[in-house]
């Protein structure tokens, strides 16, 4: 098969003809993975450039960070690729931690749970309510929310692997009847209007190509009076030349569409009918995360290199540390109400 287009047609035919053989893998996700392999083969190589293998049950996937055709593929590969190494050394909370002050010597586990608790407090959900988790990851914050507030949670993610793991861990925790997880696009949610009493986006918004569209969808699926909580990595101005280099690198390499600002959020929330908006810049409380994260990556540098290559592993560690040292690197926490 020398012709790339012919290869794609063969891949499509296999997917359509034998849908059952691909287990629980999303067809669009698998189609992209097969096409990526074909691109590498038809370019004259034996494997796609910068490919790494990831094993999930009995299925072997090839994942490439730099050849994904859409931004959603970039995000999925980040979390299904080196994000899994990150989770193995960081813990089940794949997000920043919150420290009360410089003297606070809490562990990463305690600090990450504390940030989750801040989100739970801001959401202020009542027992029996239905909550949407936008960008749920492997579901650890959602399970903490269920236990703390006695609510029902629906989590969405663009990673089939994350959805499967979240479902598995939730069943093991005995919470399968209270929290479910599914593959879905946050910018085009598969839910009727007014389906939820509350929603949160926990460090998922910086991966969205259009945060305004996500907020529009959140407003649509929330009932009037429904609360929204967001924790997001942002950029703070003014931006120096050095800061721009770091921010651009983060956006170009780690599934980040763009970094928002406090002003952008205020405008987008108002435009989509949210009121009672409260925004806090909590950068000083969370920025320690990045240095600790770089330290954690250092301990598994070899494993990281096996996934993304030595050069990219070194670059990842360097830029995570730099991202935590520049004044442009910020973090916000907000709550709002759907009018």
C-alpha atoms as a PDB file:
ATOM      1  CA  UNK A   1       0.000   0.000   0.000  1.00  0.00           C
ATOM      2  CA  UNK A   2       2.001   2.943  -1.231  1.00  0.00           C
ATOM      3  CA  UNK A   3      -0.814   5.424  -1.460  1.00  0.00           C
ATOM      4  CA  UNK A   4      -1.697   7.028   1.889  1.00  0.00           C
ATOM      5  CA  UNK A   5      -5.309   7.637   0.883  1.00  0.00           C
ATOM      6  CA  UNK A   6      -5.708   3.969  -0.003  1.00  0.00           C
ATOM      7  CA  UNK A   7      -4.291   3.058   3.401  1.00  0.00           C
ATOM      8  CA  UNK A   8      -6.848   5.270   5.110  1.00  0.00           C
ATOM      9  CA  UNK A   9      -9.655   3.604   3.157  1.00  0.00           C
ATOM     10  CA  UNK A  10      -8.429   0.184   4.288  1.00  0.00           C
ATOM     11  CA  UNK A  11      -8.298   1.360   7.907  1.00  0.00           C
ATOM     12  CA  UNK A  12     -11.804   2.781   7.685  1.00  0.00           C
ATOM     13  CA  UNK A  13     -13.076  -0.443   6.123  1.00  0.00           C
ATOM     14  CA  UNK A  14     -11.591  -2.540   8.936  1.00  0.00           C
ATOM     15  CA  UNK A  15     -13.126  -0.322  11.592  1.00  0.00           C
ATOM     16  CA  UNK A  16     -16.540  -0.348   9.969  1.00  0.00           C
ATOM     17  CA  UNK A  17     -16.501  -4.055   9.146  1.00  0.00           C
ATOM     18  CA  UNK A  18     -15.350  -5.318  12.533  1.00  0.00           C
ATOM     19  CA  UNK A  19     -16.574  -2.873  15.176  1.00  0.00           C
ATOM     20  CA  UNK A  20     -16.677  -5.502  17.904  1.00  0.00           C
ATOM     21  CA  UNK A  21     -13.007  -6.425  17.760  1.00  0.00           C
ATOM     22  CA  UNK A  22     -11.853  -3.101  19.181  1.00  0.00           C
ATOM     23  CA  UNK A  23     -13.266  -3.706  22.652  1.00  0.00           C
ATOM     24  CA  UNK A  24     -14.293  -0.479  24.432  1.00  0.00           C
ATOM     25  CA  UNK A  25     -12.143   1.823  22.359  1.00  0.00           C
ATOM     26  CA  UNK A  26     -13.845   4.814  20.774  1.00  0.00           C
ATOM     27  CA  UNK A  27     -13.913   4.255  16.975  1.00  0.00           C
ATOM     28  CA  UNK A  28     -12.796   7.796  16.191  1.00  0.00           C
ATOM     29  CA  UNK A  29      -9.928   7.456  18.645  1.00  0.00           C
ATOM     30  CA  UNK A  30      -8.813   4.138  17.166  1.00  0.00           C
ATOM     31  CA  UNK A  31      -9.224   5.403  13.608  1.00  0.00           C
ATOM     32  CA  UNK A  32      -6.831   8.242  14.380  1.00  0.00           C
ATOM     33  CA  UNK A  33      -4.301   5.852  15.950  1.00  0.00           C
ATOM     34  CA  UNK A  34      -4.359   3.534  12.930  1.00  0.00           C
ATOM     35  CA  UNK A  35      -4.033   6.463  10.554  1.00  0.00           C
ATOM     36  CA  UNK A  36      -1.049   7.754  12.526  1.00  0.00           C
ATOM     37  CA  UNK A  37       0.687   4.403  12.157  1.00  0.00           C
ATOM     38  CA  UNK A  38      -0.052   4.422   8.446  1.00  0.00           C
ATOM     39  CA  UNK A  39       1.407   7.912   8.075  1.00  0.00           C
ATOM     40  CA  UNK A  40       4.629   6.628   9.590  1.00  0.00           C
ATOM     41  CA  UNK A  41       4.707   3.541   7.364  1.00  0.00           C
ATOM     42  CA  UNK A  42       3.928   5.364   4.149  1.00  0.00           C
ATOM     43  CA  UNK A  43       6.611   7.936   4.964  1.00  0.00           C
ATOM     44  CA  UNK A  44       9.145   5.134   4.716  1.00  0.00           C
ATOM     45  CA  UNK A  45       9.606   4.334   8.396  1.00  0.00           C
ATOM     46  CA  UNK A  46       8.726   1.217  10.315  1.00  0.00           C
ATOM     47  CA  UNK A  47       6.842   3.117  13.019  1.00  0.00           C
ATOM     48  CA  UNK A  48       5.357   6.587  13.295  1.00  0.00           C
ATOM     49  CA  UNK A  49       7.896   9.204  14.402  1.00  0.00           C
ATOM     50  CA  UNK A  50       8.158   9.725  18.152  1.00  0.00           C
ATOM     51  CA  UNK A  51       5.697   6.890  18.722  1.00  0.00           C
ATOM     52  CA  UNK A  52       5.451   5.227  22.078  1.00  0.00           C
ATOM     53  CA  UNK A  53       3.520   2.146  23.132  1.00  0.00           C
ATOM     54  CA  UNK A  54       0.923   2.249  25.830  1.00  0.00           C
ATOM     55  CA  UNK A  55      -0.636  -0.952  27.093  1.00  0.00           C
ATOM     56  CA  UNK A  56      -4.244  -1.042  28.273  1.00  0.00           C
ATOM     57  CA  UNK A  57      -5.480  -4.510  29.185  1.00  0.00           C
ATOM     58  CA  UNK A  58      -4.712  -6.670  26.108  1.00  0.00           C
ATOM     59  CA  UNK A  59      -4.706  -3.881  23.568  1.00  0.00           C
ATOM     60  CA  UNK A  60      -1.546  -2.169  22.325  1.00  0.00           C
ATOM     61  CA  UNK A  61      -1.846   1.430  21.163  1.00  0.00           C
ATOM     62  CA  UNK A  62       0.635   3.649  19.410  1.00  0.00           C
ATOM     63  CA  UNK A  63       0.523   7.233  20.641  1.00  0.00           C
ATOM     64  CA  UNK A  64       2.206  10.247  19.128  1.00  0.00           C
ATOM     65  CA  UNK A  65       2.197  13.640  20.804  1.00  0.00           C
ATOM     66  CA  UNK A  66       3.311  15.678  17.815  1.00  0.00           C
ATOM     67  CA  UNK A  67       1.239  14.191  14.963  1.00  0.00           C
ATOM     68  CA  UNK A  68      -2.288  14.519  16.274  1.00  0.00           C
ATOM     69  CA  UNK A  69      -4.645  16.103  13.740  1.00  0.00           C
ATOM     70  CA  UNK A  70      -6.896  17.935  16.191  1.00  0.00           C
ATOM     71  CA  UNK A  71      -6.487  19.594  19.544  1.00  0.00           C
ATOM     72  CA  UNK A  72      -8.571  16.932  21.273  1.00  0.00           C
ATOM     73  CA  UNK A  73      -6.038  14.338  20.153  1.00  0.00           C
ATOM     74  CA  UNK A  74      -3.265  16.480  21.659  1.00  0.00           C
ATOM     75  CA  UNK A  75      -5.021  16.578  25.011  1.00  0.00           C
ATOM     76  CA  UNK A  76      -5.872  12.870  24.960  1.00  0.00           C
ATOM     77  CA  UNK A  77      -2.278  11.913  24.172  1.00  0.00           C
ATOM     78  CA  UNK A  78      -0.904  14.099  26.931  1.00  0.00           C
ATOM     79  CA  UNK A  79      -3.015  12.352  29.563  1.00  0.00           C
ATOM     80  CA  UNK A  80      -2.909   8.861  28.078  1.00  0.00           C
ATOM     81  CA  UNK A  81       0.850   9.188  27.505  1.00  0.00           C
ATOM     82  CA  UNK A  82       3.179  10.904  29.961  1.00  0.00           C
ATOM     83  CA  UNK A  83       0.215  11.880  32.119  1.00  0.00           C
ATOM     84  CA  UNK A  84       0.037   8.265  33.255  1.00  0.00           C
ATOM     85  CA  UNK A  85       3.675   8.419  34.370  1.00  0.00           C
ATOM     86  CA  UNK A  86       2.823  11.677  36.142  1.00  0.00           C
ATOM     87  CA  UNK A  87      -0.068  10.006  37.938  1.00  0.00           C
ATOM     88  CA  UNK A  88       2.145   7.140  39.075  1.00  0.00           C
ATOM     89  CA  UNK A  89       4.419   9.478  41.060  1.00  0.00           C
ATOM     90  CA  UNK A  90       2.040  12.337  41.889  1.00  0.00           C
ATOM     91  CA  UNK A  91      -0.946  10.410  43.147  1.00  0.00           C
ATOM     92  CA  UNK A  92      -4.619  10.047  42.203  1.00  0.00           C
ATOM     93  CA  UNK A  93      -5.302  13.799  42.192  1.00  0.00           C
ATOM     94  CA  UNK A  94      -3.942  14.834  38.822  1.00  0.00           C
ATOM     95  CA  UNK A  95      -4.098  18.528  39.620  1.00  0.00           C
ATOM     96  CA  UNK A  96      -2.424  21.287  41.609  1.00  0.00           C
ATOM     97  CA  UNK A  97      -2.241  21.372  45.400  1.00  0.00           C
ATOM     98  CA  UNK A  98      -3.277  24.171  47.762  1.00  0.00           C
ATOM     99  CA  UNK A  99      -1.042  25.324  50.633  1.00  0.00           C
ATOM    100  CA  UNK A 100      -2.291  27.824  53.205  1.00  0.00           C
ATOM    101  CA  UNK A 101       0.982  29.778  53.330  1.00  0.00           C
ATOM    102  CA  UNK A 102       4.736  29.442  52.855  1.00  0.00           C
ATOM    103  CA  UNK A 103       5.084  27.717  56.218  1.00  0.00           C
ATOM    104  CA  UNK A 104       2.534  25.042  55.328  1.00  0.00           C
ATOM    105  CA  UNK A 105       4.470  21.783  54.887  1.00  0.00           C
ATOM    106  CA  UNK A 106       1.501  19.630  53.906  1.00  0.00           C
ATOM    107  CA  UNK A 107       2.161  16.682  51.622  1.00  0.00           C
ATOM    108  CA  UNK A 108       1.087  16.688  47.991  1.00  0.00           C
ATOM    109  CA  UNK A 109      -1.739  14.302  48.862  1.00  0.00           C
ATOM    110  CA  UNK A 110      -3.077  16.603  51.556  1.00  0.00           C
ATOM    111  CA  UNK A 111      -2.625  19.747  49.435  1.00  0.00           C
ATOM    112  CA  UNK A 112      -4.357  18.286  46.373  1.00  0.00           C
ATOM    113  CA  UNK A 113      -7.266  17.065  48.481  1.00  0.00           C
ATOM    114  CA  UNK A 114      -7.463  20.552  50.008  1.00  0.00           C
ATOM    115  CA  UNK A 115      -7.889  22.105  46.559  1.00  0.00           C
ATOM    116  CA  UNK A 116     -10.603  19.553  45.799  1.00  0.00           C
ATOM    117  CA  UNK A 117     -12.322  20.511  49.046  1.00  0.00           C
ATOM    118  CA  UNK A 118     -12.183  24.170  48.024  1.00  0.00           C
ATOM    119  CA  UNK A 119     -14.002  23.248  44.811  1.00  0.00           C
ATOM    120  CA  UNK A 120     -16.551  21.193  46.757  1.00  0.00           C
ATOM    121  CA  UNK A 121     -17.181  24.117  49.085  1.00  0.00           C
ATOM    122  CA  UNK A 122     -17.640  26.532  46.181  1.00  0.00           C
ATOM    123  CA  UNK A 123     -20.025  24.198  44.397  1.00  0.00           C
ATOM    124  CA  UNK A 124     -22.187  23.983  47.535  1.00  0.00           C
ATOM    125  CA  UNK A 125     -24.154  21.059  46.112  1.00  0.00           C
ATOM    126  CA  UNK A 126     -26.927  19.539  48.198  1.00  0.00           C
ATOM    127  CA  UNK A 127     -27.660  15.863  48.786  1.00  0.00           C
ATOM    128  CA  UNK A 128     -29.386  14.212  45.864  1.00  0.00           C
ATOM    129  CA  UNK A 129     -28.405  16.843  43.302  1.00  0.00           C
ATOM    130  CA  UNK A 130     -26.904  15.951  39.934  1.00  0.00           C
ATOM    131  CA  UNK A 131     -23.450  17.378  39.198  1.00  0.00           C
ATOM    132  CA  UNK A 132     -21.523  17.523  35.941  1.00  0.00           C
ATOM    133  CA  UNK A 133     -17.743  17.049  36.080  1.00  0.00           C
ATOM    134  CA  UNK A 134     -16.314  18.711  32.934  1.00  0.00           C
ATOM    135  CA  UNK A 135     -13.003  17.005  32.189  1.00  0.00           C
ATOM    136  CA  UNK A 136     -13.221  14.366  34.903  1.00  0.00           C
ATOM    137  CA  UNK A 137      -9.860  12.640  34.463  1.00  0.00           C
ATOM    138  CA  UNK A 138      -9.788   9.352  36.375  1.00  0.00           C
ATOM    139  CA  UNK A 139     -12.511  10.554  38.708  1.00  0.00           C
ATOM    140  CA  UNK A 140     -10.761  10.968  42.069  1.00  0.00           C
ATOM    141  CA  UNK A 141     -12.176  14.472  42.784  1.00  0.00           C
ATOM    142  CA  UNK A 142     -15.622  13.282  41.664  1.00  0.00           C
ATOM    143  CA  UNK A 143     -15.543  10.414  44.141  1.00  0.00           C
ATOM    144  CA  UNK A 144     -14.513  12.799  46.928  1.00  0.00           C
ATOM    145  CA  UNK A 145     -17.405  15.057  45.937  1.00  0.00           C
ATOM    146  CA  UNK A 146     -19.883  12.167  46.065  1.00  0.00           C
ATOM    147  CA  UNK A 147     -18.722  11.179  49.541  1.00  0.00           C
ATOM    148  CA  UNK A 148     -18.687  14.749  50.872  1.00  0.00           C
ATOM    149  CA  UNK A 149     -21.983  15.980  49.451  1.00  0.00           C
ATOM    150  CA  UNK A 150     -24.028  12.837  48.759  1.00  0.00           C
ATOM    151  CA  UNK A 151     -24.636  13.881  45.153  1.00  0.00           C
ATOM    152  CA  UNK A 152     -24.764  12.042  41.832  1.00  0.00           C
ATOM    153  CA  UNK A 153     -21.953  12.883  39.404  1.00  0.00           C
ATOM    154  CA  UNK A 154     -21.644  12.494  35.654  1.00  0.00           C
ATOM    155  CA  UNK A 155     -18.079  12.950  34.445  1.00  0.00           C
ATOM    156  CA  UNK A 156     -17.054  13.605  30.844  1.00  0.00           C
ATOM    157  CA  UNK A 157     -13.628  13.266  29.225  1.00  0.00           C
ATOM    158  CA  UNK A 158     -12.160  12.959  25.728  1.00  0.00           C
ATOM    159  CA  UNK A 159     -10.012  10.027  26.854  1.00  0.00           C
ATOM    160  CA  UNK A 160     -11.570   6.594  26.641  1.00  0.00           C
ATOM    161  CA  UNK A 161      -8.786   5.282  28.849  1.00  0.00           C
ATOM    162  CA  UNK A 162      -9.549   7.839  31.556  1.00  0.00           C
ATOM    163  CA  UNK A 163     -13.276   7.098  31.363  1.00  0.00           C
ATOM    164  CA  UNK A 164     -12.614   3.367  31.721  1.00  0.00           C
ATOM    165  CA  UNK A 165     -10.243   3.850  34.658  1.00  0.00           C
ATOM    166  CA  UNK A 166     -12.613   6.267  36.387  1.00  0.00           C
ATOM    167  CA  UNK A 167     -15.427   3.744  36.017  1.00  0.00           C
ATOM    168  CA  UNK A 168     -13.277   0.911  37.322  1.00  0.00           C
ATOM    169  CA  UNK A 169     -11.976   2.833  40.343  1.00  0.00           C
ATOM    170  CA  UNK A 170     -15.461   4.082  41.161  1.00  0.00           C
ATOM    171  CA  UNK A 171     -16.858   0.550  41.115  1.00  0.00           C
ATOM    172  CA  UNK A 172     -14.030  -0.577  43.393  1.00  0.00           C
ATOM    173  CA  UNK A 173     -14.947   2.243  45.769  1.00  0.00           C
ATOM    174  CA  UNK A 174     -18.564   1.082  45.847  1.00  0.00           C
ATOM    175  CA  UNK A 175     -19.821   4.307  44.240  1.00  0.00           C
ATOM    176  CA  UNK A 176     -20.834   3.069  40.788  1.00  0.00           C
ATOM    177  CA  UNK A 177     -24.462   3.947  41.489  1.00  0.00           C
ATOM    178  CA  UNK A 178     -23.515   7.555  42.317  1.00  0.00           C
ATOM    179  CA  UNK A 179     -20.878   8.446  39.692  1.00  0.00           C
ATOM    180  CA  UNK A 180     -20.625   7.575  36.002  1.00  0.00           C
ATOM    181  CA  UNK A 181     -18.075   8.586  33.398  1.00  0.00           C
ATOM    182  CA  UNK A 182     -18.282   8.816  29.638  1.00  0.00           C
ATOM    183  CA  UNK A 183     -16.536   9.954  26.498  1.00  0.00           C
ATOM    184  CA  UNK A 184     -17.906  13.376  25.478  1.00  0.00           C
ATOM    185  CA  UNK A 185     -16.867  16.737  24.047  1.00  0.00           C
ATOM    186  CA  UNK A 186     -17.265  19.598  26.533  1.00  0.00           C
ATOM    187  CA  UNK A 187     -17.944  22.002  23.668  1.00  0.00           C
ATOM    188  CA  UNK A 188     -20.840  19.865  22.397  1.00  0.00           C
ATOM    189  CA  UNK A 189     -22.288  18.069  25.400  1.00  0.00           C
ATOM    190  CA  UNK A 190     -24.692  15.168  24.806  1.00  0.00           C
ATOM    191  CA  UNK A 191     -27.149  16.272  27.502  1.00  0.00           C
ATOM    192  CA  UNK A 192     -30.573  17.946  27.348  1.00  0.00           C
ATOM    193  CA  UNK A 193     -31.042  21.512  28.549  1.00  0.00           C
ATOM    194  CA  UNK A 194     -31.291  21.896  32.311  1.00  0.00           C
ATOM    195  CA  UNK A 195     -29.933  18.429  33.084  1.00  0.00           C
ATOM    196  CA  UNK A 196     -27.748  19.340  36.057  1.00  0.00           C
ATOM    197  CA  UNK A 197     -27.994  21.205  39.340  1.00  0.00           C
ATOM    198  CA  UNK A 198     -24.296  22.100  39.420  1.00  0.00           C
ATOM    199  CA  UNK A 199     -21.107  21.713  37.398  1.00  0.00           C
ATOM    200  CA  UNK A 200     -17.387  22.111  37.824  1.00  0.00           C
ATOM    201  CA  UNK A 201     -14.364  22.260  35.545  1.00  0.00           C
ATOM    202  CA  UNK A 202     -11.309  21.261  37.526  1.00  0.00           C
ATOM    203  CA  UNK A 203      -8.166  22.239  35.568  1.00  0.00           C
ATOM    204  CA  UNK A 204      -9.774  21.229  32.303  1.00  0.00           C
ATOM    205  CA  UNK A 205     -10.602  24.631  30.825  1.00  0.00           C
ATOM    206  CA  UNK A 206      -7.055  25.442  29.716  1.00  0.00           C
ATOM    207  CA  UNK A 207      -7.296  22.449  27.376  1.00  0.00           C
ATOM    208  CA  UNK A 208     -10.441  23.769  25.674  1.00  0.00           C
ATOM    209  CA  UNK A 209     -10.039  25.381  22.238  1.00  0.00           C
ATOM    210  CA  UNK A 210     -12.971  27.701  23.052  1.00  0.00           C
ATOM    211  CA  UNK A 211     -13.625  28.339  26.756  1.00  0.00           C
ATOM    212  CA  UNK A 212     -16.567  30.556  25.875  1.00  0.00           C
ATOM    213  CA  UNK A 213     -18.251  27.674  24.077  1.00  0.00           C
ATOM    214  CA  UNK A 214     -17.715  25.401  27.078  1.00  0.00           C
ATOM    215  CA  UNK A 215     -19.281  28.020  29.346  1.00  0.00           C
ATOM    216  CA  UNK A 216     -22.165  28.324  26.893  1.00  0.00           C
ATOM    217  CA  UNK A 217     -22.724  24.574  27.034  1.00  0.00           C
ATOM    218  CA  UNK A 218     -22.419  24.600  30.824  1.00  0.00           C
ATOM    219  CA  UNK A 219     -25.076  27.321  31.000  1.00  0.00           C
ATOM    220  CA  UNK A 220     -27.317  25.289  28.694  1.00  0.00           C
ATOM    221  CA  UNK A 221     -27.160  22.050  30.686  1.00  0.00           C
ATOM    222  CA  UNK A 222     -27.430  23.772  34.089  1.00  0.00           C
ATOM    223  CA  UNK A 223     -30.810  24.505  35.593  1.00  0.00           C
ATOM    224  CA  UNK A 224     -31.518  28.148  36.527  1.00  0.00           C
ATOM    225  CA  UNK A 225     -29.824  28.799  39.846  1.00  0.00           C
ATOM    226  CA  UNK A 226     -27.294  26.050  39.232  1.00  0.00           C
ATOM    227  CA  UNK A 227     -23.793  26.709  40.530  1.00  0.00           C
ATOM    228  CA  UNK A 228     -20.548  26.509  38.566  1.00  0.00           C
ATOM    229  CA  UNK A 229     -17.048  26.159  40.023  1.00  0.00           C
ATOM    230  CA  UNK A 230     -13.865  26.452  37.972  1.00  0.00           C
ATOM    231  CA  UNK A 231     -10.210  26.000  38.860  1.00  0.00           C
ATOM    232  CA  UNK A 232      -7.917  26.873  35.989  1.00  0.00           C
ATOM    233  CA  UNK A 233      -4.322  27.637  35.098  1.00  0.00           C
ATOM    234  CA  UNK A 234      -4.126  31.149  33.648  1.00  0.00           C
ATOM    235  CA  UNK A 235      -1.598  33.738  32.500  1.00  0.00           C
ATOM    236  CA  UNK A 236      -0.975  36.999  34.316  1.00  0.00           C
ATOM    237  CA  UNK A 237       0.130  40.185  32.621  1.00  0.00           C
ATOM    238  CA  UNK A 238       2.420  41.877  31.787  1.00  0.00           C
ATOM    239  CA  UNK A 239       4.155  39.119  29.839  1.00  0.00           C
ATOM    240  CA  UNK A 240       7.929  39.374  29.442  1.00  0.00           C
ATOM    241  CA  UNK A 241       9.863  37.877  26.501  1.00  0.00           C
ATOM    242  CA  UNK A 242      11.080  35.045  28.752  1.00  0.00           C
ATOM    243  CA  UNK A 243       7.575  34.466  30.024  1.00  0.00           C
ATOM    244  CA  UNK A 244       6.242  34.312  26.473  1.00  0.00           C
ATOM    245  CA  UNK A 245       8.756  31.591  25.581  1.00  0.00           C
ATOM    246  CA  UNK A 246       7.623  29.455  28.516  1.00  0.00           C
ATOM    247  CA  UNK A 247       3.898  30.040  27.972  1.00  0.00           C
ATOM    248  CA  UNK A 248       4.156  29.303  24.255  1.00  0.00           C
ATOM    249  CA  UNK A 249       6.061  26.092  24.940  1.00  0.00           C
ATOM    250  CA  UNK A 250       3.412  24.900  27.385  1.00  0.00           C
ATOM    251  CA  UNK A 251       0.655  25.616  24.883  1.00  0.00           C
ATOM    252  CA  UNK A 252       2.440  24.013  21.954  1.00  0.00           C
ATOM    253  CA  UNK A 253       3.506  20.791  23.646  1.00  0.00           C
ATOM    254  CA  UNK A 254       1.075  19.791  26.379  1.00  0.00           C
ATOM    255  CA  UNK A 255      -2.422  19.921  24.972  1.00  0.00           C
ATOM    256  CA  UNK A 256      -3.056  23.481  26.113  1.00  0.00           C
ATOM    257  CA  UNK A 257      -5.113  25.512  23.670  1.00  0.00           C
ATOM    258  CA  UNK A 258      -4.388  28.840  25.321  1.00  0.00           C
ATOM    259  CA  UNK A 259      -4.069  30.329  28.767  1.00  0.00           C
ATOM    260  CA  UNK A 260      -6.969  32.496  29.826  1.00  0.00           C
ATOM    261  CA  UNK A 261      -7.022  35.557  32.043  1.00  0.00           C
ATOM    262  CA  UNK A 262      -9.234  36.821  34.853  1.00  0.00           C
ATOM    263  CA  UNK A 263     -10.708  39.478  32.545  1.00  0.00           C
ATOM    264  CA  UNK A 264     -11.474  36.906  29.861  1.00  0.00           C
ATOM    265  CA  UNK A 265     -13.376  34.791  32.357  1.00  0.00           C
ATOM    266  CA  UNK A 266     -15.387  37.735  33.652  1.00  0.00           C
ATOM    267  CA  UNK A 267     -16.419  38.650  30.111  1.00  0.00           C
ATOM    268  CA  UNK A 268     -17.258  35.087  29.047  1.00  0.00           C
ATOM    269  CA  UNK A 269     -19.243  34.325  32.195  1.00  0.00           C
ATOM    270  CA  UNK A 270     -21.338  37.478  31.797  1.00  0.00           C
ATOM    271  CA  UNK A 271     -21.888  36.767  28.095  1.00  0.00           C
ATOM    272  CA  UNK A 272     -23.264  33.326  28.919  1.00  0.00           C
ATOM    273  CA  UNK A 273     -25.697  34.382  31.604  1.00  0.00           C
ATOM    274  CA  UNK A 274     -23.734  33.688  34.769  1.00  0.00           C
ATOM    275  CA  UNK A 275     -24.215  36.011  37.734  1.00  0.00           C
ATOM    276  CA  UNK A 276     -22.887  36.320  41.285  1.00  0.00           C
ATOM    277  CA  UNK A 277     -19.417  35.735  39.895  1.00  0.00           C
ATOM    278  CA  UNK A 278     -16.603  35.498  42.427  1.00  0.00           C
ATOM    279  CA  UNK A 279     -13.034  35.101  41.169  1.00  0.00           C
ATOM    280  CA  UNK A 280      -9.963  34.588  43.319  1.00  0.00           C
ATOM    281  CA  UNK A 281      -6.366  34.562  42.141  1.00  0.00           C
ATOM    282  CA  UNK A 282      -4.894  31.772  44.286  1.00  0.00           C
ATOM    283  CA  UNK A 283      -1.540  31.561  42.507  1.00  0.00           C
ATOM    284  CA  UNK A 284       0.439  32.076  45.718  1.00  0.00           C
ATOM    285  CA  UNK A 285      -1.315  29.101  47.307  1.00  0.00           C
ATOM    286  CA  UNK A 286      -0.789  26.642  44.440  1.00  0.00           C
ATOM    287  CA  UNK A 287       2.375  27.637  42.552  1.00  0.00           C
ATOM    288  CA  UNK A 288       4.528  25.360  44.728  1.00  0.00           C
ATOM    289  CA  UNK A 289       2.921  22.510  42.802  1.00  0.00           C
ATOM    290  CA  UNK A 290       5.076  23.006  39.721  1.00  0.00           C
ATOM    291  CA  UNK A 291       8.421  22.722  41.476  1.00  0.00           C
ATOM    292  CA  UNK A 292       7.259  19.618  43.307  1.00  0.00           C
ATOM    293  CA  UNK A 293       5.906  18.213  40.058  1.00  0.00           C
ATOM    294  CA  UNK A 294       9.283  18.723  38.348  1.00  0.00           C
ATOM    295  CA  UNK A 295      10.962  16.979  41.284  1.00  0.00           C
ATOM    296  CA  UNK A 296       8.542  14.068  40.910  1.00  0.00           C
ATOM    297  CA  UNK A 297       9.278  13.782  37.202  1.00  0.00           C
ATOM    298  CA  UNK A 298      13.004  13.741  37.986  1.00  0.00           C
ATOM    299  CA  UNK A 299      12.520  10.557  39.986  1.00  0.00           C
ATOM    300  CA  UNK A 300      11.047   8.753  36.968  1.00  0.00           C
ATOM    301  CA  UNK A 301      13.069  10.412  34.218  1.00  0.00           C
ATOM    302  CA  UNK A 302      13.899   7.059  32.595  1.00  0.00           C
ATOM    303  CA  UNK A 303      10.269   5.925  32.534  1.00  0.00           C
ATOM    304  CA  UNK A 304       9.255   9.287  31.137  1.00  0.00           C
ATOM    305  CA  UNK A 305      11.911   9.008  28.431  1.00  0.00           C
ATOM    306  CA  UNK A 306      10.526   5.593  27.465  1.00  0.00           C
ATOM    307  CA  UNK A 307       7.156   7.237  26.801  1.00  0.00           C
ATOM    308  CA  UNK A 308       8.094  10.507  25.104  1.00  0.00           C
ATOM    309  CA  UNK A 309      11.827  10.235  24.342  1.00  0.00           C
ATOM    310  CA  UNK A 310      14.825  11.536  26.292  1.00  0.00           C
ATOM    311  CA  UNK A 311      14.873  14.983  24.689  1.00  0.00           C
ATOM    312  CA  UNK A 312      11.210  15.652  25.373  1.00  0.00           C
ATOM    313  CA  UNK A 313      11.474  14.239  28.896  1.00  0.00           C
ATOM    314  CA  UNK A 314      14.303  16.644  29.701  1.00  0.00           C
ATOM    315  CA  UNK A 315      12.362  19.493  28.103  1.00  0.00           C
ATOM    316  CA  UNK A 316       9.236  18.628  30.092  1.00  0.00           C
ATOM    317  CA  UNK A 317      11.051  18.719  33.424  1.00  0.00           C
ATOM    318  CA  UNK A 318      12.848  21.959  32.545  1.00  0.00           C
ATOM    319  CA  UNK A 319       9.725  23.788  31.381  1.00  0.00           C
ATOM    320  CA  UNK A 320       7.549  22.609  34.274  1.00  0.00           C
ATOM    321  CA  UNK A 321      10.129  24.056  36.641  1.00  0.00           C
ATOM    322  CA  UNK A 322      10.375  27.280  34.629  1.00  0.00           C
ATOM    323  CA  UNK A 323       6.582  27.524  34.452  1.00  0.00           C
ATOM    324  CA  UNK A 324       6.528  27.559  38.233  1.00  0.00           C
ATOM    325  CA  UNK A 325       9.100  30.335  38.502  1.00  0.00           C
ATOM    326  CA  UNK A 326       7.770  33.014  36.135  1.00  0.00           C
ATOM    327  CA  UNK A 327       5.334  35.697  37.378  1.00  0.00           C
ATOM    328  CA  UNK A 328       3.170  35.167  34.296  1.00  0.00           C
ATOM    329  CA  UNK A 329       2.116  31.734  35.553  1.00  0.00           C
ATOM    330  CA  UNK A 330      -1.186  32.096  37.415  1.00  0.00           C
ATOM    331  CA  UNK A 331      -4.135  30.159  38.788  1.00  0.00           C
ATOM    332  CA  UNK A 332      -7.724  31.157  39.462  1.00  0.00           C
ATOM    333  CA  UNK A 333     -10.635  29.753  41.375  1.00  0.00           C
ATOM    334  CA  UNK A 334     -14.141  30.981  40.598  1.00  0.00           C
ATOM    335  CA  UNK A 335     -17.744  30.353  41.387  1.00  0.00           C
ATOM    336  CA  UNK A 336     -20.815  31.611  39.545  1.00  0.00           C
ATOM    337  CA  UNK A 337     -24.548  31.040  39.303  1.00  0.00           C
ATOM    338  CA  UNK A 338     -26.556  30.260  36.186  1.00  0.00           C
ATOM    339  CA  UNK A 339     -29.165  33.060  35.993  1.00  0.00           C
END
